[in-house]
């Protein structure tokens, strides 16, 4: 979800990423700081995102995250895997 958000929206700070995911889920999925920041750290350690310091919309210093080329490849790989799993589940649920 984080990779897709960054791919679609461009660089965002952690709070912006969490709010965008909540918005896209119709406010049915909520990410708190204890969830989003460890995930961002792991994604950065894997080389799928990188970060830099900048100024947020409310004029505060914030770390902005951006998807890397490697992250885009990973996103495509995971999207393909997800589609495959959804297809499998659809067939299983339709089976009698």
N, C-alpha and C. Protein backbone atom coordinates (compact mmCIF):
# COMPACT_ATOMS: atom_id res chain seq x y z
N UNK A 1 0.82 -1.19 0.00
CA UNK A 1 0.00 0.00 0.00
C UNK A 1 0.87 1.26 0.00
N UNK A 2 1.95 1.21 0.76
CA UNK A 2 2.84 2.37 0.81
C UNK A 2 3.49 2.59 -0.54
N UNK A 3 3.99 1.52 -1.16
CA UNK A 3 4.64 1.67 -2.47
C UNK A 3 3.66 2.20 -3.50
N UNK A 4 2.45 1.70 -3.51
CA UNK A 4 1.44 2.16 -4.46
C UNK A 4 1.10 3.63 -4.22
N UNK A 5 0.98 4.01 -2.97
CA UNK A 5 0.68 5.41 -2.63
C UNK A 5 1.78 6.33 -3.12
N UNK A 6 3.04 5.97 -2.87
CA UNK A 6 4.15 6.80 -3.31
C UNK A 6 4.27 6.82 -4.83
N UNK A 7 3.97 5.70 -5.47
CA UNK A 7 4.02 5.65 -6.93
C UNK A 7 2.97 6.57 -7.53
N UNK A 8 1.79 6.59 -6.93
CA UNK A 8 0.69 7.40 -7.46
C UNK A 8 0.80 8.88 -7.09
N UNK A 9 1.26 9.17 -5.88
CA UNK A 9 1.22 10.53 -5.36
C UNK A 9 2.54 11.28 -5.42
N UNK A 10 3.64 10.56 -5.59
CA UNK A 10 4.94 11.20 -5.51
C UNK A 10 5.40 11.30 -4.06
N UNK A 11 6.46 12.06 -3.80
CA UNK A 11 7.01 12.14 -2.44
C UNK A 11 5.98 12.63 -1.41
N UNK A 12 5.93 11.93 -0.29
CA UNK A 12 5.04 12.29 0.82
C UNK A 12 5.74 12.02 2.13
N UNK A 13 5.32 12.73 3.18
CA UNK A 13 5.82 12.42 4.52
C UNK A 13 4.96 11.30 5.11
N UNK A 14 5.44 10.71 6.18
CA UNK A 14 4.77 9.55 6.77
C UNK A 14 3.30 9.79 7.10
N UNK A 15 3.02 10.93 7.70
CA UNK A 15 1.63 11.23 8.05
C UNK A 15 0.77 11.33 6.79
N UNK A 16 1.30 11.93 5.73
CA UNK A 16 0.57 12.06 4.47
C UNK A 16 0.30 10.70 3.83
N UNK A 17 1.27 9.80 3.93
CA UNK A 17 1.09 8.44 3.40
C UNK A 17 -0.04 7.74 4.15
N UNK A 18 0.02 7.81 5.48
CA UNK A 18 -1.01 7.14 6.30
C UNK A 18 -2.39 7.71 6.01
N UNK A 19 -2.51 9.02 5.92
CA UNK A 19 -3.82 9.63 5.65
C UNK A 19 -4.32 9.26 4.26
N UNK A 20 -3.44 9.20 3.27
CA UNK A 20 -3.86 8.85 1.90
C UNK A 20 -4.37 7.40 1.85
N UNK A 21 -3.69 6.51 2.53
CA UNK A 21 -4.15 5.11 2.57
C UNK A 21 -5.51 5.03 3.24
N UNK A 22 -5.69 5.75 4.34
CA UNK A 22 -6.99 5.78 5.01
C UNK A 22 -8.06 6.33 4.07
N UNK A 23 -7.75 7.40 3.38
CA UNK A 23 -8.70 8.01 2.45
C UNK A 23 -9.08 7.04 1.33
N UNK A 24 -8.10 6.37 0.75
CA UNK A 24 -8.37 5.45 -0.35
C UNK A 24 -9.14 4.21 0.11
N UNK A 25 -9.04 3.88 1.40
CA UNK A 25 -9.78 2.72 1.92
C UNK A 25 -11.20 3.10 2.35
N UNK A 26 -11.58 4.36 2.12
CA UNK A 26 -12.88 4.81 2.57
C UNK A 26 -12.94 4.92 4.07
N UNK A 27 -11.82 5.22 4.68
CA UNK A 27 -11.69 5.34 6.13
C UNK A 27 -12.00 4.04 6.87
N UNK A 28 -11.81 2.89 6.20
CA UNK A 28 -12.02 1.61 6.86
C UNK A 28 -10.71 1.00 7.34
N UNK A 29 -9.59 1.56 6.88
CA UNK A 29 -8.27 1.06 7.27
C UNK A 29 -7.50 2.22 7.88
N UNK A 30 -6.95 2.01 9.06
CA UNK A 30 -6.27 3.08 9.78
C UNK A 30 -4.83 2.69 10.08
N UNK A 31 -3.90 3.59 9.81
CA UNK A 31 -2.49 3.37 10.13
C UNK A 31 -2.06 4.37 11.19
N UNK A 32 -1.46 3.87 12.26
CA UNK A 32 -0.94 4.78 13.28
C UNK A 32 0.58 4.89 13.15
N UNK A 33 1.19 5.74 13.94
CA UNK A 33 2.63 5.95 13.86
C UNK A 33 3.41 4.68 14.17
N UNK A 34 2.89 3.86 15.04
CA UNK A 34 3.56 2.61 15.38
C UNK A 34 3.54 1.60 14.26
N UNK A 35 2.72 1.84 13.24
CA UNK A 35 2.65 0.96 12.08
C UNK A 35 3.39 1.54 10.90
N UNK A 36 3.15 2.81 10.58
CA UNK A 36 3.68 3.39 9.34
C UNK A 36 5.19 3.59 9.39
N UNK A 37 5.72 4.10 10.49
CA UNK A 37 7.15 4.41 10.51
C UNK A 37 8.05 3.18 10.50
N UNK A 38 7.73 2.10 11.24
CA UNK A 38 8.54 0.88 11.08
C UNK A 38 8.45 0.31 9.65
N UNK A 39 7.27 0.42 9.03
CA UNK A 39 7.12 -0.05 7.65
C UNK A 39 7.98 0.78 6.71
N UNK A 40 8.00 2.09 6.89
CA UNK A 40 8.82 2.97 6.06
C UNK A 40 10.30 2.65 6.24
N UNK A 41 10.72 2.38 7.46
CA UNK A 41 12.11 2.02 7.72
C UNK A 41 12.49 0.73 7.01
N UNK A 42 11.62 -0.29 7.08
CA UNK A 42 11.90 -1.56 6.40
C UNK A 42 11.97 -1.37 4.88
N UNK A 43 11.03 -0.60 4.33
CA UNK A 43 11.03 -0.35 2.89
C UNK A 43 12.30 0.38 2.47
N UNK A 44 12.76 1.30 3.30
CA UNK A 44 13.98 2.04 3.00
C UNK A 44 15.20 1.11 3.09
N UNK A 45 15.24 0.25 4.08
CA UNK A 45 16.36 -0.70 4.22
C UNK A 45 16.43 -1.67 3.05
N UNK A 46 15.26 -1.98 2.46
CA UNK A 46 15.23 -2.87 1.30
C UNK A 46 15.56 -2.15 0.00
N UNK A 47 15.67 -0.83 0.06
CA UNK A 47 16.00 -0.05 -1.12
C UNK A 47 14.80 0.26 -2.00
N UNK A 48 13.60 0.06 -1.48
CA UNK A 48 12.40 0.29 -2.28
C UNK A 48 11.91 1.72 -2.20
N UNK A 49 12.33 2.45 -1.17
CA UNK A 49 12.04 3.87 -1.05
C UNK A 49 13.30 4.57 -0.56
N UNK A 50 13.36 5.87 -0.75
CA UNK A 50 14.41 6.66 -0.11
C UNK A 50 13.76 7.89 0.49
N UNK A 51 14.49 8.53 1.39
CA UNK A 51 13.90 9.68 2.09
C UNK A 51 14.85 10.86 2.06
N UNK A 52 14.26 12.03 2.25
CA UNK A 52 15.02 13.26 2.38
C UNK A 52 14.20 14.22 3.23
N UNK A 53 14.89 15.15 3.86
CA UNK A 53 14.21 16.13 4.70
C UNK A 53 13.65 17.26 3.86
N UNK A 54 12.49 17.73 4.26
CA UNK A 54 11.84 18.84 3.59
C UNK A 54 10.90 19.55 4.55
N UNK A 55 10.09 20.44 4.00
CA UNK A 55 9.13 21.20 4.78
C UNK A 55 7.72 20.77 4.43
N UNK A 56 6.93 20.44 5.44
CA UNK A 56 5.55 20.00 5.22
C UNK A 56 4.66 21.18 4.88
N UNK A 57 3.42 20.88 4.53
CA UNK A 57 2.46 21.92 4.17
C UNK A 57 2.14 22.87 5.32
N UNK A 58 2.37 22.43 6.56
CA UNK A 58 2.15 23.32 7.71
C UNK A 58 3.47 23.90 8.22
N UNK A 59 4.46 23.95 7.32
CA UNK A 59 5.74 24.62 7.55
C UNK A 59 6.58 23.96 8.65
N UNK A 60 6.48 22.66 8.77
CA UNK A 60 7.30 21.91 9.74
C UNK A 60 8.29 21.04 8.98
N UNK A 61 9.40 20.81 9.62
CA UNK A 61 10.39 19.92 9.03
C UNK A 61 9.87 18.49 9.07
N UNK A 62 9.96 17.80 7.94
CA UNK A 62 9.44 16.43 7.86
C UNK A 62 10.30 15.61 6.91
N UNK A 63 10.33 14.32 7.14
CA UNK A 63 11.05 13.41 6.24
C UNK A 63 10.07 12.99 5.15
N UNK A 64 10.46 13.21 3.90
CA UNK A 64 9.64 12.83 2.75
C UNK A 64 10.19 11.56 2.14
N UNK A 65 9.28 10.68 1.76
CA UNK A 65 9.64 9.39 1.20
C UNK A 65 9.25 9.35 -0.27
N UNK A 66 10.08 8.65 -1.06
CA UNK A 66 9.84 8.54 -2.49
C UNK A 66 10.19 7.13 -2.94
N UNK A 67 9.40 6.58 -3.83
CA UNK A 67 9.64 5.23 -4.34
C UNK A 67 10.87 5.26 -5.27
N UNK A 68 11.66 4.21 -5.22
CA UNK A 68 12.83 4.09 -6.08
C UNK A 68 12.50 3.22 -7.30
N UNK A 69 13.42 3.13 -8.22
CA UNK A 69 13.24 2.26 -9.39
C UNK A 69 13.05 0.81 -8.94
N UNK A 70 13.85 0.40 -7.97
CA UNK A 70 13.73 -0.95 -7.41
C UNK A 70 12.37 -1.14 -6.76
N UNK A 71 11.88 -0.10 -6.10
CA UNK A 71 10.57 -0.15 -5.47
C UNK A 71 9.45 -0.30 -6.50
N UNK A 72 9.60 0.37 -7.64
CA UNK A 72 8.59 0.23 -8.70
C UNK A 72 8.57 -1.19 -9.25
N UNK A 73 9.74 -1.78 -9.40
CA UNK A 73 9.79 -3.19 -9.84
C UNK A 73 9.14 -4.10 -8.82
N UNK A 74 9.41 -3.85 -7.54
CA UNK A 74 8.80 -4.66 -6.46
C UNK A 74 7.30 -4.48 -6.44
N UNK A 75 6.83 -3.25 -6.62
CA UNK A 75 5.39 -2.97 -6.66
C UNK A 75 4.73 -3.76 -7.79
N UNK A 76 5.34 -3.76 -8.96
CA UNK A 76 4.78 -4.51 -10.10
C UNK A 76 4.73 -6.01 -9.78
N UNK A 77 5.80 -6.52 -9.18
CA UNK A 77 5.86 -7.93 -8.81
C UNK A 77 4.77 -8.29 -7.80
N UNK A 78 4.61 -7.45 -6.77
CA UNK A 78 3.61 -7.72 -5.75
C UNK A 78 2.19 -7.56 -6.29
N UNK A 79 1.98 -6.61 -7.19
CA UNK A 79 0.65 -6.43 -7.79
C UNK A 79 0.28 -7.66 -8.62
N UNK A 80 1.24 -8.18 -9.38
CA UNK A 80 0.98 -9.41 -10.16
C UNK A 80 0.65 -10.58 -9.25
N UNK A 81 1.39 -10.72 -8.16
CA UNK A 81 1.14 -11.81 -7.21
C UNK A 81 -0.24 -11.65 -6.56
N UNK A 82 -0.60 -10.43 -6.21
CA UNK A 82 -1.91 -10.17 -5.60
C UNK A 82 -3.03 -10.54 -6.57
N UNK A 83 -2.90 -10.16 -7.83
CA UNK A 83 -3.91 -10.49 -8.84
C UNK A 83 -4.05 -12.00 -8.99
N UNK A 84 -2.92 -12.69 -8.95
CA UNK A 84 -2.94 -14.15 -9.06
C UNK A 84 -3.68 -14.75 -7.87
N UNK A 85 -3.40 -14.26 -6.66
CA UNK A 85 -4.06 -14.78 -5.47
C UNK A 85 -5.55 -14.48 -5.46
N UNK A 86 -5.93 -13.29 -5.93
CA UNK A 86 -7.35 -12.94 -6.02
C UNK A 86 -8.07 -13.88 -6.98
N UNK A 87 -7.42 -14.20 -8.10
CA UNK A 87 -8.00 -15.15 -9.05
C UNK A 87 -8.20 -16.52 -8.44
N UNK A 88 -7.21 -16.98 -7.69
CA UNK A 88 -7.31 -18.28 -7.02
C UNK A 88 -8.47 -18.27 -6.02
N UNK A 89 -8.55 -17.22 -5.22
CA UNK A 89 -9.62 -17.14 -4.22
C UNK A 89 -11.00 -17.09 -4.89
N UNK A 90 -11.11 -16.36 -6.00
CA UNK A 90 -12.38 -16.28 -6.71
C UNK A 90 -12.80 -17.68 -7.20
N UNK A 91 -11.84 -18.41 -7.75
CA UNK A 91 -12.17 -19.77 -8.22
C UNK A 91 -12.58 -20.67 -7.06
N UNK A 92 -11.87 -20.57 -5.94
CA UNK A 92 -12.20 -21.40 -4.78
C UNK A 92 -13.58 -21.08 -4.22
N UNK A 93 -13.91 -19.81 -4.18
CA UNK A 93 -15.20 -19.41 -3.64
C UNK A 93 -16.36 -19.77 -4.57
N UNK A 94 -16.09 -19.86 -5.85
CA UNK A 94 -17.13 -20.21 -6.81
C UNK A 94 -17.33 -21.71 -6.94
N UNK A 95 -16.35 -22.50 -6.49
CA UNK A 95 -16.41 -23.96 -6.60
C UNK A 95 -17.53 -24.52 -5.74
N UNK A 96 -18.14 -25.57 -6.25
CA UNK A 96 -19.22 -26.22 -5.50
C UNK A 96 -18.78 -27.52 -4.93
